[in-house]
């Protein structure tokens, strides 16, 4: 009999350090390749969370926002991590020209900021992650869309 896995998670994060720490916890929970869509207003903490995710997998250097390059690749020991920021994307078809489908593989984690700008071209997200401010704190909400997403939320 299959276990009924939790498909949502909500937490409150008091500061940027807790946002980085959540990103690290999230990366540790991802034992299979995953696609995570990051939703939230400008400054909500999407790149901060991504920094924790990538550093949690062993990256020692800076993690910068790929606002102008669309994607920043990180080749790590076990995984390739691709951090997309589609904020400045003019047309989803631009993603086809950059070979977007090649980034999503069994050996990669893909984190996509502003995924709605790539609608129709991007694959289904395993997890939709929303970050929003509530006063001075951030609220993070995760919604699993696949079995892999549910397994990650269960581990968190």
Protein backbone atom coordinates (compact mmCIF):
# COMPACT_ATOMS: atom_id res chain seq x y z
CA UNK A 1 0.00 0.00 0.00
CA UNK A 2 1.43 3.40 -1.02
CA UNK A 3 2.14 5.93 1.67
CA UNK A 4 0.10 9.13 1.46
CA UNK A 5 2.87 11.71 1.24
CA UNK A 6 2.38 15.33 2.25
CA UNK A 7 2.16 17.66 -0.75
CA UNK A 8 2.42 21.08 0.95
CA UNK A 9 4.65 22.75 3.51
CA UNK A 10 4.56 26.25 5.01
CA UNK A 11 7.23 27.79 7.26
CA UNK A 12 8.07 31.25 8.56
CA UNK A 13 11.63 32.49 8.15
CA UNK A 14 12.78 35.32 10.40
CA UNK A 15 15.71 36.59 8.33
CA UNK A 16 18.04 36.02 5.38
CA UNK A 17 20.14 33.54 7.37
CA UNK A 18 17.09 31.34 7.93
CA UNK A 19 16.26 31.61 4.23
CA UNK A 20 19.77 30.37 3.33
CA UNK A 21 19.44 27.59 5.93
CA UNK A 22 16.10 26.49 4.45
CA UNK A 23 17.73 26.37 1.02
CA UNK A 24 20.44 24.11 2.45
CA UNK A 25 17.83 21.82 4.05
CA UNK A 26 15.98 21.70 0.75
CA UNK A 27 19.10 20.68 -1.18
CA UNK A 28 19.85 17.87 1.29
CA UNK A 29 16.28 16.57 0.86
CA UNK A 30 16.69 16.36 -2.94
CA UNK A 31 18.03 12.88 -3.56
CA UNK A 32 16.77 12.78 -7.15
CA UNK A 33 16.97 15.34 -9.95
CA UNK A 34 14.40 18.04 -9.36
CA UNK A 35 12.85 21.11 -10.95
CA UNK A 36 11.77 23.84 -8.54
CA UNK A 37 9.91 26.97 -9.59
CA UNK A 38 10.62 29.96 -7.35
CA UNK A 39 7.79 32.48 -7.09
CA UNK A 40 7.83 35.80 -5.26
CA UNK A 41 8.14 39.54 -5.69
CA UNK A 42 11.46 41.25 -6.33
CA UNK A 43 13.51 41.03 -3.14
CA UNK A 44 11.43 38.23 -1.62
CA UNK A 45 14.47 35.96 -1.17
CA UNK A 46 14.49 33.67 -4.21
CA UNK A 47 18.20 34.09 -4.91
CA UNK A 48 19.01 33.99 -1.18
CA UNK A 49 17.28 30.63 -0.90
CA UNK A 50 19.05 29.42 -4.05
CA UNK A 51 22.40 30.39 -2.52
CA UNK A 52 21.66 28.12 0.45
CA UNK A 53 20.58 25.31 -1.90
CA UNK A 54 23.75 25.48 -4.00
CA UNK A 55 26.08 25.92 -1.03
CA UNK A 56 24.31 23.02 0.70
CA UNK A 57 25.49 20.81 -2.15
CA UNK A 58 29.11 21.84 -1.60
CA UNK A 59 29.64 24.96 -3.73
CA UNK A 60 32.19 27.23 -2.05
CA UNK A 61 32.08 30.33 -4.25
CA UNK A 62 29.60 33.11 -4.81
CA UNK A 63 26.07 32.45 -5.99
CA UNK A 64 24.87 35.33 -8.10
CA UNK A 65 21.57 36.10 -9.72
CA UNK A 66 21.50 35.24 -13.43
CA UNK A 67 19.26 38.22 -14.21
CA UNK A 68 21.22 39.18 -17.33
CA UNK A 69 22.56 35.76 -18.39
CA UNK A 70 19.27 33.86 -17.79
CA UNK A 71 21.16 30.87 -16.33
CA UNK A 72 24.11 30.30 -13.99
CA UNK A 73 25.50 26.75 -14.07
CA UNK A 74 27.18 25.09 -11.07
CA UNK A 75 29.04 21.84 -11.67
CA UNK A 76 29.30 20.06 -8.34
CA UNK A 77 30.54 16.62 -7.32
CA UNK A 78 27.21 14.82 -7.55
CA UNK A 79 24.94 17.27 -9.37
CA UNK A 80 24.81 19.96 -11.97
CA UNK A 81 22.69 22.81 -10.65
CA UNK A 82 21.17 25.35 -13.00
CA UNK A 83 19.83 28.59 -11.56
CA UNK A 84 17.54 30.36 -14.02
CA UNK A 85 16.20 33.89 -13.67
CA UNK A 86 13.67 34.59 -16.42
CA UNK A 87 12.72 38.09 -15.23
CA UNK A 88 14.19 39.75 -18.34
CA UNK A 89 13.06 37.07 -20.79
CA UNK A 90 11.34 38.72 -23.72
CA UNK A 91 9.63 35.66 -25.20
CA UNK A 92 9.46 32.03 -24.01
CA UNK A 93 10.75 30.94 -27.43
CA UNK A 94 14.15 32.41 -26.48
CA UNK A 95 14.48 29.41 -24.15
CA UNK A 96 14.29 27.06 -27.12
CA UNK A 97 17.19 28.90 -28.78
CA UNK A 98 19.36 28.44 -25.69
CA UNK A 99 18.65 24.68 -25.61
CA UNK A 100 16.57 24.78 -22.43
CA UNK A 101 15.59 21.10 -22.60
CA UNK A 102 19.24 20.03 -22.30
CA UNK A 103 19.46 21.48 -18.79
CA UNK A 104 16.71 19.26 -17.37
CA UNK A 105 18.25 15.81 -16.90
CA UNK A 106 18.63 13.00 -14.38
CA UNK A 107 21.87 14.56 -13.14
CA UNK A 108 20.64 18.12 -12.61
CA UNK A 109 18.70 20.24 -10.20
CA UNK A 110 17.00 23.22 -11.88
CA UNK A 111 15.80 26.23 -9.89
CA UNK A 112 13.77 28.69 -11.95
CA UNK A 113 12.93 32.23 -10.86
CA UNK A 114 10.01 33.90 -12.68
CA UNK A 115 8.92 30.63 -14.35
CA UNK A 116 5.68 32.15 -15.62
CA UNK A 117 7.78 33.99 -18.23
CA UNK A 118 8.79 30.63 -19.72
CA UNK A 119 5.31 29.16 -19.69
CA UNK A 120 4.69 26.65 -22.45
CA UNK A 121 8.38 25.84 -22.86
CA UNK A 122 9.48 24.82 -19.35
CA UNK A 123 8.74 21.34 -18.00
CA UNK A 124 6.39 20.76 -15.08
CA UNK A 125 7.92 21.75 -11.74
CA UNK A 126 8.29 19.05 -9.12
CA UNK A 127 7.80 21.81 -6.54
CA UNK A 128 6.32 25.30 -6.74
CA UNK A 129 7.96 27.37 -4.00
CA UNK A 130 6.43 30.71 -3.02
CA UNK A 131 8.23 33.33 -0.93
CA UNK A 132 6.43 36.37 0.41
CA UNK A 133 6.94 38.94 3.11
CA UNK A 134 4.74 38.97 6.20
CA UNK A 135 5.87 42.07 8.07
CA UNK A 136 9.63 41.68 8.53
CA UNK A 137 9.52 37.90 8.16
CA UNK A 138 9.27 35.72 5.07
CA UNK A 139 6.71 33.01 4.62
CA UNK A 140 7.73 30.10 2.42
CA UNK A 141 5.16 27.77 0.93
CA UNK A 142 5.97 24.63 -1.03
CA UNK A 143 3.49 22.77 -3.22
CA UNK A 144 4.49 19.40 -4.66
CA UNK A 145 3.31 18.68 -8.20
CA UNK A 146 4.97 15.26 -8.62
CA UNK A 147 5.87 12.23 -6.56
CA UNK A 148 9.49 13.46 -6.37
CA UNK A 149 8.23 16.77 -4.99
CA UNK A 150 6.14 14.98 -2.37
CA UNK A 151 9.15 12.90 -1.29
CA UNK A 152 11.22 16.06 -0.81
CA UNK A 153 8.51 17.78 1.25
CA UNK A 154 8.18 14.66 3.39
CA UNK A 155 11.93 14.79 4.15
CA UNK A 156 11.73 18.44 5.15
